[in-house]
Amino acid sequence: QPNSKIAALLKNGRIEYTCLDGVKSSVEY
C-alpha cells in the first residue's frame, strides 16, 4: 500500500525524479 507513504513525501504535489542521464524532472502525483 504505497500511496499513503508516497503522498506524505511529495513536494508541492509532485514526484521529483532523476533520469539516468542526470536530468531532473517532476510529475504531478
All heavy atoms as atom14 arrays in JSON, in Angstrom:
{
  "sequence": "QPNSKIAALLKNGRIEYTCLDGVKSSVEY",
  "atom14_mask": [
    [1, 1, 1, 1, 1, 1, 1, 1, 1, 0, 0, 0, 0, 0],
    [1, 1, 1, 1, 1, 1, 1, 0, 0, 0, 0, 0, 0, 0],
    [1, 1, 1, 1, 1, 1, 1, 1, 0, 0, 0, 0, 0, 0],
    [1, 1, 1, 1, 1, 1, 0, 0, 0, 0, 0, 0, 0, 0],
    [1, 1, 1, 1, 1, 1, 1, 1, 1, 0, 0, 0, 0, 0],
    [1, 1, 1, 1, 1, 1, 1, 1, 0, 0, 0, 0, 0, 0],
    [1, 1, 1, 1, 1, 0, 0, 0, 0, 0, 0, 0, 0, 0],
    [1, 1, 1, 1, 1, 0, 0, 0, 0, 0, 0, 0, 0, 0],
    [1, 1, 1, 1, 1, 1, 1, 1, 0, 0, 0, 0, 0, 0],
    [1, 1, 1, 1, 1, 1, 1, 1, 0, 0, 0, 0, 0, 0],
    [1, 1, 1, 1, 1, 1, 1, 1, 1, 0, 0, 0, 0, 0],
    [1, 1, 1, 1, 1, 1, 1, 1, 0, 0, 0, 0, 0, 0],
    [1, 1, 1, 1, 0, 0, 0, 0, 0, 0, 0, 0, 0, 0],
    [1, 1, 1, 1, 1, 1, 1, 1, 1, 1, 1, 0, 0, 0],
    [1, 1, 1, 1, 1, 1, 1, 1, 0, 0, 0, 0, 0, 0],
    [1, 1, 1, 1, 1, 1, 1, 1, 1, 0, 0, 0, 0, 0],
    [1, 1, 1, 1, 1, 1, 1, 1, 1, 1, 1, 1, 0, 0],
    [1, 1, 1, 1, 1, 1, 1, 0, 0, 0, 0, 0, 0, 0],
    [1, 1, 1, 1, 1, 1, 0, 0, 0, 0, 0, 0, 0, 0],
    [1, 1, 1, 1, 1, 1, 1, 1, 0, 0, 0, 0, 0, 0],
    [1, 1, 1, 1, 1, 1, 1, 1, 0, 0, 0, 0, 0, 0],
    [1, 1, 1, 1, 0, 0, 0, 0, 0, 0, 0, 0, 0, 0],
    [1, 1, 1, 1, 1, 1, 1, 0, 0, 0, 0, 0, 0, 0],
    [1, 1, 1, 1, 1, 1, 1, 1, 1, 0, 0, 0, 0, 0],
    [1, 1, 1, 1, 1, 1, 0, 0, 0, 0, 0, 0, 0, 0],
    [1, 1, 1, 1, 1, 1, 0, 0, 0, 0, 0, 0, 0, 0],
    [1, 1, 1, 1, 1, 1, 1, 0, 0, 0, 0, 0, 0, 0],
    [1, 1, 1, 1, 1, 1, 1, 1, 1, 0, 0, 0, 0, 0],
    [1, 1, 1, 1, 1, 1, 1, 1, 1, 1, 1, 1, 0, 0]
  ],
  "atom14_positions": [
    [[0.84, -1.19, 0.0], [0.0, 0.0, 0.0], [0.88, 1.24, 0.0], [1.01, 1.93, 1.01], [-0.93, 0.0, 1.23], [-1.84, -1.2, 1.31], [-2.87, -1.22, 0.2], [-3.36, -0.18, -0.23], [-3.2, -2.39, -0.29], [0.0, 0.0, 0.0], [0.0, 0.0, 0.0], [0.0, 0.0, 0.0], [0.0, 0.0, 0.0], [0.0, 0.0, 0.0]],
    [[1.51, 1.56, -1.14], [2.48, 2.65, -1.16], [1.87, 4.05, -1.18], [2.54, 5.02, -0.85], [3.26, 2.4, -2.45], [2.28, 1.71, -3.33], [1.46, 0.85, -2.41], [0.0, 0.0, 0.0], [0.0, 0.0, 0.0], [0.0, 0.0, 0.0], [0.0, 0.0, 0.0], [0.0, 0.0, 0.0], [0.0, 0.0, 0.0], [0.0, 0.0, 0.0]],
    [[0.6, 4.19, -1.56], [0.05, 5.53, -1.82], [0.19, 6.49, -0.64], [0.58, 7.63, -0.83], [-1.4, 5.43, -2.26], [-1.53, 4.75, -3.62], [-0.53, 4.46, -4.27], [-2.74, 4.49, -4.03], [0.0, 0.0, 0.0], [0.0, 0.0, 0.0], [0.0, 0.0, 0.0], [0.0, 0.0, 0.0], [0.0, 0.0, 0.0], [0.0, 0.0, 0.0]],
    [[-0.12, 6.04, 0.55], [-0.05, 6.96, 1.7], [1.4, 7.33, 2.01], [1.69, 8.46, 2.38], [-0.72, 6.36, 2.92], [-0.06, 5.18, 3.32], [0.0, 0.0, 0.0], [0.0, 0.0, 0.0], [0.0, 0.0, 0.0], [0.0, 0.0, 0.0], [0.0, 0.0, 0.0], [0.0, 0.0, 0.0], [0.0, 0.0, 0.0], [0.0, 0.0, 0.0]],
    [[2.32, 6.37, 1.84], [3.74, 6.67, 2.1], [4.27, 7.68, 1.08], [4.99, 8.61, 1.43], [4.56, 5.38, 2.02], [4.29, 4.39, 3.13], [5.09, 3.13, 2.9], [4.65, 2.0, 3.78], [3.34, 1.46, 3.43], [0.0, 0.0, 0.0], [0.0, 0.0, 0.0], [0.0, 0.0, 0.0], [0.0, 0.0, 0.0], [0.0, 0.0, 0.0]],
    [[3.92, 7.49, -0.19], [4.38, 8.39, -1.24], [3.75, 9.77, -1.07], [4.44, 10.78, -1.11], [4.07, 7.81, -2.63], [4.9, 6.53, -2.85], [4.36, 8.83, -3.73], [4.47, 5.72, -4.06], [0.0, 0.0, 0.0], [0.0, 0.0, 0.0], [0.0, 0.0, 0.0], [0.0, 0.0, 0.0], [0.0, 0.0, 0.0], [0.0, 0.0, 0.0]],
    [[2.45, 9.82, -0.88], [1.73, 11.09, -0.77], [2.29, 11.96, 0.36], [2.36, 13.18, 0.23], [0.24, 10.84, -0.58], [0.0, 0.0, 0.0], [0.0, 0.0, 0.0], [0.0, 0.0, 0.0], [0.0, 0.0, 0.0], [0.0, 0.0, 0.0], [0.0, 0.0, 0.0], [0.0, 0.0, 0.0], [0.0, 0.0, 0.0], [0.0, 0.0, 0.0]],
    [[2.71, 11.33, 1.44], [3.24, 12.08, 2.58], [4.57, 12.76, 2.27], [4.96, 13.71, 2.94], [3.4, 11.15, 3.78], [0.0, 0.0, 0.0], [0.0, 0.0, 0.0], [0.0, 0.0, 0.0], [0.0, 0.0, 0.0], [0.0, 0.0, 0.0], [0.0, 0.0, 0.0], [0.0, 0.0, 0.0], [0.0, 0.0, 0.0], [0.0, 0.0, 0.0]],
    [[5.28, 12.3, 1.23], [6.62, 12.82, 0.93], [6.68, 13.63, -0.36], [7.77, 13.97, -0.83], [7.61, 11.65, 0.86], [7.77, 10.88, 2.17], [8.62, 9.64, 1.95], [8.35, 11.75, 3.26], [0.0, 0.0, 0.0], [0.0, 0.0, 0.0], [0.0, 0.0, 0.0], [0.0, 0.0, 0.0], [0.0, 0.0, 0.0], [0.0, 0.0, 0.0]],
    [[5.54, 13.97, -0.93], [5.52, 14.75, -2.16], [5.99, 16.17, -1.91], [5.84, 16.71, -0.8], [4.1, 14.8, -2.74], [3.53, 13.47, -3.21], [2.08, 13.66, -3.64], [4.35, 12.89, -4.35], [0.0, 0.0, 0.0], [0.0, 0.0, 0.0], [0.0, 0.0, 0.0], [0.0, 0.0, 0.0], [0.0, 0.0, 0.0], [0.0, 0.0, 0.0]],
    [[6.55, 16.77, -2.93], [6.95, 18.18, -2.87], [6.01, 18.95, -3.79], [6.06, 18.79, -5.0], [8.41, 18.33, -3.3], [9.34, 17.63, -2.33], [10.78, 17.74, -2.71], [11.6, 17.01, -1.65], [12.81, 16.46, -2.14], [0.0, 0.0, 0.0], [0.0, 0.0, 0.0], [0.0, 0.0, 0.0], [0.0, 0.0, 0.0], [0.0, 0.0, 0.0]],
    [[5.14, 19.75, -3.19], [4.13, 20.52, -3.94], [3.26, 19.62, -4.81], [2.93, 19.96, -5.94], [4.8, 21.6, -4.8], [5.54, 22.61, -3.96], [5.05, 23.02, -2.9], [6.72, 23.0, -4.39], [0.0, 0.0, 0.0], [0.0, 0.0, 0.0], [0.0, 0.0, 0.0], [0.0, 0.0, 0.0], [0.0, 0.0, 0.0], [0.0, 0.0, 0.0]],
    [[2.92, 18.43, -4.3], [2.05, 17.52, -5.02], [2.73, 16.8, -6.17], [2.06, 16.21, -7.01], [0.0, 0.0, 0.0], [0.0, 0.0, 0.0], [0.0, 0.0, 0.0], [0.0, 0.0, 0.0], [0.0, 0.0, 0.0], [0.0, 0.0, 0.0], [0.0, 0.0, 0.0], [0.0, 0.0, 0.0], [0.0, 0.0, 0.0], [0.0, 0.0, 0.0]],
    [[4.05, 16.84, -6.21], [4.79, 16.26, -7.34], [5.83, 15.25, -6.86], [6.36, 15.37, -5.76], [5.48, 17.36, -8.13], [4.52, 18.41, -8.68], [5.23, 19.5, -9.43], [5.7, 19.05, -10.74], [4.94, 19.01, -11.84], [3.7, 19.39, -11.81], [5.46, 18.59, -12.98], [0.0, 0.0, 0.0], [0.0, 0.0, 0.0], [0.0, 0.0, 0.0]],
    [[6.12, 14.28, -7.71], [7.23, 13.36, -7.5], [8.41, 13.92, -8.28], [8.32, 14.11, -9.49], [6.9, 11.94, -8.01], [5.77, 11.33, -7.19], [8.15, 11.05, -7.97], [5.28, 9.99, -7.72], [0.0, 0.0, 0.0], [0.0, 0.0, 0.0], [0.0, 0.0, 0.0], [0.0, 0.0, 0.0], [0.0, 0.0, 0.0], [0.0, 0.0, 0.0]],
    [[9.49, 14.19, -7.6], [10.71, 14.64, -8.26], [11.55, 13.41, -8.56], [11.71, 12.54, -7.69], [11.47, 15.62, -7.37], [10.69, 16.9, -7.14], [11.43, 17.89, -6.26], [12.5, 17.55, -5.71], [10.92, 19.01, -6.11], [0.0, 0.0, 0.0], [0.0, 0.0, 0.0], [0.0, 0.0, 0.0], [0.0, 0.0, 0.0], [0.0, 0.0, 0.0]],
    [[12.06, 13.32, -9.78], [12.84, 12.15, -10.17], [14.02, 12.55, -11.02], [14.1, 13.65, -11.54], [11.97, 11.12, -10.9], [11.4, 11.6, -12.22], [12.08, 11.38, -13.41], [10.17, 12.24, -12.28], [11.57, 11.82, -14.63], [9.64, 12.67, -13.48], [10.35, 12.45, -14.65], [9.83, 12.88, -15.85], [0.0, 0.0, 0.0], [0.0, 0.0, 0.0]],
    [[14.96, 11.61, -11.16], [16.15, 11.81, -11.97], [16.17, 10.74, -13.05], [15.86, 9.57, -12.78], [17.42, 11.67, -11.1], [17.34, 12.6, -10.02], [18.68, 11.95, -11.91], [0.0, 0.0, 0.0], [0.0, 0.0, 0.0], [0.0, 0.0, 0.0], [0.0, 0.0, 0.0], [0.0, 0.0, 0.0], [0.0, 0.0, 0.0], [0.0, 0.0, 0.0]],
    [[16.54, 11.14, -14.25], [16.73, 10.19, -15.35], [18.19, 9.74, -15.32], [19.04, 10.37, -14.69], [16.42, 10.85, -16.7], [14.7, 11.38, -16.83], [0.0, 0.0, 0.0], [0.0, 0.0, 0.0], [0.0, 0.0, 0.0], [0.0, 0.0, 0.0], [0.0, 0.0, 0.0], [0.0, 0.0, 0.0], [0.0, 0.0, 0.0], [0.0, 0.0, 0.0]],
    [[18.49, 8.65, -16.01], [19.86, 8.12, -15.99], [20.88, 9.09, -16.54], [22.04, 9.05, -16.17], [19.93, 6.8, -16.77], [19.32, 5.61, -16.07], [19.56, 4.35, -16.88], [19.87, 5.44, -14.67], [0.0, 0.0, 0.0], [0.0, 0.0, 0.0], [0.0, 0.0, 0.0], [0.0, 0.0, 0.0], [0.0, 0.0, 0.0], [0.0, 0.0, 0.0]],
    [[20.45, 9.99, -17.42], [21.39, 10.97, -17.98], [21.62, 12.15, -17.05], [22.31, 13.1, -17.39], [20.94, 11.44, -19.36], [19.57, 12.1, -19.34], [19.01, 12.32, -18.23], [19.05, 12.42, -20.42], [0.0, 0.0, 0.0], [0.0, 0.0, 0.0], [0.0, 0.0, 0.0], [0.0, 0.0, 0.0], [0.0, 0.0, 0.0], [0.0, 0.0, 0.0]],
    [[21.03, 12.09, -15.84], [21.23, 13.12, -14.84], [20.2, 14.24, -14.87], [20.18, 15.09, -13.99], [0.0, 0.0, 0.0], [0.0, 0.0, 0.0], [0.0, 0.0, 0.0], [0.0, 0.0, 0.0], [0.0, 0.0, 0.0], [0.0, 0.0, 0.0], [0.0, 0.0, 0.0], [0.0, 0.0, 0.0], [0.0, 0.0, 0.0], [0.0, 0.0, 0.0]],
    [[19.34, 14.24, -15.87], [18.31, 15.26, -15.98], [17.29, 15.06, -14.86], [16.81, 13.96, -14.63], [17.62, 15.22, -17.36], [16.44, 16.18, -17.41], [18.61, 15.54, -18.45], [0.0, 0.0, 0.0], [0.0, 0.0, 0.0], [0.0, 0.0, 0.0], [0.0, 0.0, 0.0], [0.0, 0.0, 0.0], [0.0, 0.0, 0.0], [0.0, 0.0, 0.0]],
    [[16.99, 16.14, -14.15], [16.0, 16.09, -13.09], [14.68, 16.64, -13.61], [14.65, 17.59, -14.38], [16.47, 16.9, -11.88], [17.7, 16.31, -11.24], [18.08, 17.07, -9.98], [19.34, 16.55, -9.38], [19.24, 15.26, -8.77], [0.0, 0.0, 0.0], [0.0, 0.0, 0.0], [0.0, 0.0, 0.0], [0.0, 0.0, 0.0], [0.0, 0.0, 0.0]],
    [[13.59, 16.02, -13.17], [12.27, 16.44, -13.6], [11.28, 16.11, -12.49], [11.67, 15.63, -11.43], [11.88, 15.73, -14.91], [10.73, 16.33, -15.46], [0.0, 0.0, 0.0], [0.0, 0.0, 0.0], [0.0, 0.0, 0.0], [0.0, 0.0, 0.0], [0.0, 0.0, 0.0], [0.0, 0.0, 0.0], [0.0, 0.0, 0.0], [0.0, 0.0, 0.0]],
    [[10.02, 16.37, -12.75], [8.99, 16.03, -11.78], [7.68, 15.77, -12.51], [7.51, 16.17, -13.67], [8.81, 17.14, -10.74], [8.29, 18.3, -11.34], [0.0, 0.0, 0.0], [0.0, 0.0, 0.0], [0.0, 0.0, 0.0], [0.0, 0.0, 0.0], [0.0, 0.0, 0.0], [0.0, 0.0, 0.0], [0.0, 0.0, 0.0], [0.0, 0.0, 0.0]],
    [[6.79, 15.09, -11.83], [5.49, 14.77, -12.39], [4.45, 14.93, -11.28], [4.72, 14.59, -10.12], [5.47, 13.33, -12.99], [5.75, 12.27, -11.94], [4.16, 13.05, -13.68], [0.0, 0.0, 0.0], [0.0, 0.0, 0.0], [0.0, 0.0, 0.0], [0.0, 0.0, 0.0], [0.0, 0.0, 0.0], [0.0, 0.0, 0.0], [0.0, 0.0, 0.0]],
    [[3.29, 15.47, -11.64], [2.22, 15.59, -10.65], [1.81, 14.19, -10.23], [1.71, 13.28, -11.05], [1.02, 16.33, -11.24], [1.27, 17.81, -11.41], [0.02, 18.55, -11.86], [-1.1, 18.1, -11.54], [0.18, 19.58, -12.52], [0.0, 0.0, 0.0], [0.0, 0.0, 0.0], [0.0, 0.0, 0.0], [0.0, 0.0, 0.0], [0.0, 0.0, 0.0]],
    [[1.53, 14.03, -8.95], [1.21, 12.71, -8.42], [-0.03, 12.13, -9.09], [-0.08, 10.94, -9.4], [1.05, 12.77, -6.9], [0.86, 11.41, -6.28], [1.82, 10.42, -6.45], [-0.27, 11.12, -5.53], [1.66, 9.16, -5.88], [-0.43, 9.87, -4.96], [0.52, 8.9, -5.14], [0.35, 7.66, -4.58], [0.0, 0.0, 0.0], [0.0, 0.0, 0.0]]
  ]
}
